[in-house]
Amino acid sequence: MEPIAANLRYIEAGHLNIAAGALEGASVVGQAAGTLGTLAGALVDPGSRSVCYLVVESRRWMKTHCYLLPLGTTRFDPARQALLVDAGSADLQEVEHARFVPFSDDDLTKAIFAPHAA
């Protein structure tokens, strides 16, 4: 398993919004794999103002598993309330949710005042 970069911060799905609405509770659907799980949040890099991973939760065998999905081509389907991703279950990396560092006020300041990417 690849280590999670120390500079990444976790934002819960309840704080993620797009023009079509809130993303909390959205299903994450892969091309061939069907539903991969539910969007739990995202890992962002405040310094570069970028989303690096989607955090997906999946319930199997009476236990909730947490996975990272590298952000690739993703679009929101408002009719299905789902994020459609170009990925499958093989692209998911299981992680412990407790390893995530929450996005803080300091991270917000860093993102606001970070130099613009070229």
Protein backbone atom coordinates (compact mmCIF):
# COMPACT_ATOMS: atom_id res chain seq x y z
CA MET A 1 0.00 0.00 0.00
CA GLU A 2 1.33 3.43 -0.92
CA PRO A 3 1.71 5.86 1.99
CA ILE A 4 -0.67 8.80 2.15
CA ALA A 5 1.24 12.03 1.61
CA ALA A 6 1.65 14.05 4.81
CA ASN A 7 0.45 17.25 3.10
CA LEU A 8 -3.00 15.85 2.22
CA ARG A 9 -6.03 16.86 4.27
CA TYR A 10 -9.45 15.22 4.58
CA ILE A 11 -12.72 17.02 3.85
CA GLU A 12 -15.94 15.16 4.67
CA ALA A 13 -18.49 14.72 1.86
CA GLY A 14 -20.97 16.88 3.78
CA HIS A 15 -18.69 19.86 3.07
CA LEU A 16 -18.31 19.11 -0.66
CA ASN A 17 -20.65 20.87 -3.07
CA ILE A 18 -20.79 21.30 -6.82
CA ALA A 19 -23.12 23.35 -9.03
CA ALA A 20 -25.59 20.43 -9.14
CA GLY A 21 -25.76 20.27 -5.34
CA ALA A 22 -24.23 18.59 -2.31
CA LEU A 23 -22.18 15.43 -2.74
CA GLU A 24 -22.98 13.93 0.66
CA GLY A 25 -24.39 10.43 0.22
CA ALA A 26 -23.53 10.24 -3.49
CA SER A 27 -22.85 6.79 -4.89
CA VAL A 28 -19.51 6.23 -6.62
CA VAL A 29 -20.07 4.19 -9.78
CA GLY A 30 -17.33 2.65 -11.92
CA GLN A 31 -17.61 1.91 -15.61
CA ALA A 32 -17.72 -1.89 -15.50
CA ALA A 33 -17.69 -2.58 -11.76
CA GLY A 34 -20.99 -0.92 -10.95
CA THR A 35 -21.35 0.76 -7.57
CA LEU A 36 -18.00 0.98 -5.78
CA GLY A 37 -19.43 2.56 -2.62
CA THR A 38 -20.55 5.89 -1.22
CA LEU A 39 -18.55 9.12 -1.24
CA ALA A 40 -17.26 9.75 2.29
CA GLY A 41 -15.03 12.71 1.42
CA ALA A 42 -11.90 13.77 -0.42
CA LEU A 43 -8.19 14.18 0.26
CA VAL A 44 -6.95 17.55 -0.90
CA ASP A 45 -3.58 19.27 -1.13
CA PRO A 46 -4.18 22.79 0.26
CA GLY A 47 -0.92 24.16 -1.14
CA SER A 48 -1.74 23.24 -4.73
CA ARG A 49 -5.52 23.68 -4.30
CA SER A 50 -6.18 20.26 -5.77
CA VAL A 51 -8.28 17.22 -4.98
CA CYS A 52 -6.02 14.17 -5.06
CA TYR A 53 -8.26 11.29 -3.96
CA LEU A 54 -11.90 10.49 -3.43
CA VAL A 55 -12.57 8.64 -0.19
CA VAL A 56 -15.11 5.87 -0.79
CA GLU A 57 -16.85 3.80 1.87
CA SER A 58 -18.22 0.36 1.14
CA ARG A 59 -20.11 -1.90 3.52
CA ARG A 60 -19.25 -5.58 3.22
CA TRP A 61 -19.67 -8.43 5.64
CA MET A 62 -21.18 -6.24 8.36
CA LYS A 63 -18.14 -3.95 8.31
CA THR A 64 -17.50 -0.61 6.63
CA HIS A 65 -14.33 -0.45 4.53
CA CYS A 66 -12.65 2.80 3.51
CA TYR A 67 -10.87 3.17 0.17
CA LEU A 68 -8.89 5.81 -1.69
CA LEU A 69 -9.61 6.33 -5.35
CA PRO A 70 -7.14 8.52 -7.27
CA LEU A 71 -9.06 11.37 -8.81
CA GLY A 72 -9.34 10.87 -12.54
CA THR A 73 -12.14 11.62 -14.96
CA THR A 74 -15.21 12.07 -12.79
CA ARG A 75 -18.63 13.48 -13.57
CA PHE A 76 -21.79 13.86 -11.53
CA ASP A 77 -25.05 12.31 -12.73
CA PRO A 78 -27.80 14.30 -10.97
CA ALA A 79 -30.53 11.87 -12.03
CA ARG A 80 -28.79 9.02 -10.17
CA GLN A 81 -27.17 11.21 -7.48
CA ALA A 82 -23.92 9.46 -8.36
CA LEU A 83 -20.32 10.25 -9.22
CA LEU A 84 -19.35 8.37 -12.36
CA VAL A 85 -15.64 7.46 -12.39
CA ASP A 86 -13.31 5.88 -14.91
CA ALA A 87 -12.17 3.26 -12.42
CA GLY A 88 -12.93 -0.17 -11.09
CA SER A 89 -12.57 -2.02 -7.83
CA ALA A 90 -8.92 -2.84 -8.68
CA ASP A 91 -8.15 0.91 -8.53
CA LEU A 92 -9.30 1.18 -4.90
CA GLN A 93 -6.68 1.25 -2.14
CA GLU A 94 -8.00 0.28 1.31
CA VAL A 95 -6.93 2.58 4.14
CA GLU A 96 -7.72 3.24 7.78
CA HIS A 97 -10.00 6.26 8.08
CA ALA A 98 -8.16 7.30 11.27
CA ARG A 99 -5.03 8.06 9.19
CA PHE A 100 -6.62 11.12 7.59
CA VAL A 101 -5.67 14.57 8.88
CA PRO A 102 -8.77 16.83 8.85
CA PHE A 103 -8.76 20.04 6.82
CA SER A 104 -8.18 22.91 9.26
CA ASP A 105 -8.38 26.70 9.36
CA ASP A 106 -4.59 26.78 8.81
CA ASP A 107 -5.06 24.67 5.67
CA LEU A 108 -7.72 27.11 4.44
CA THR A 109 -5.31 30.02 4.92
CA LYS A 110 -2.60 28.09 3.08
CA ALA A 111 -4.95 27.40 0.17
CA ILE A 112 -6.14 31.01 -0.05
CA PHE A 113 -2.65 32.49 -0.08
CA ALA A 114 -0.88 29.77 -2.09
CA PRO A 115 0.77 31.04 -5.28
CA HIS A 116 -1.23 30.37 -8.42
CA ALA A 117 -0.22 27.32 -10.42
CA ALA A 118 1.29 28.07 -13.79
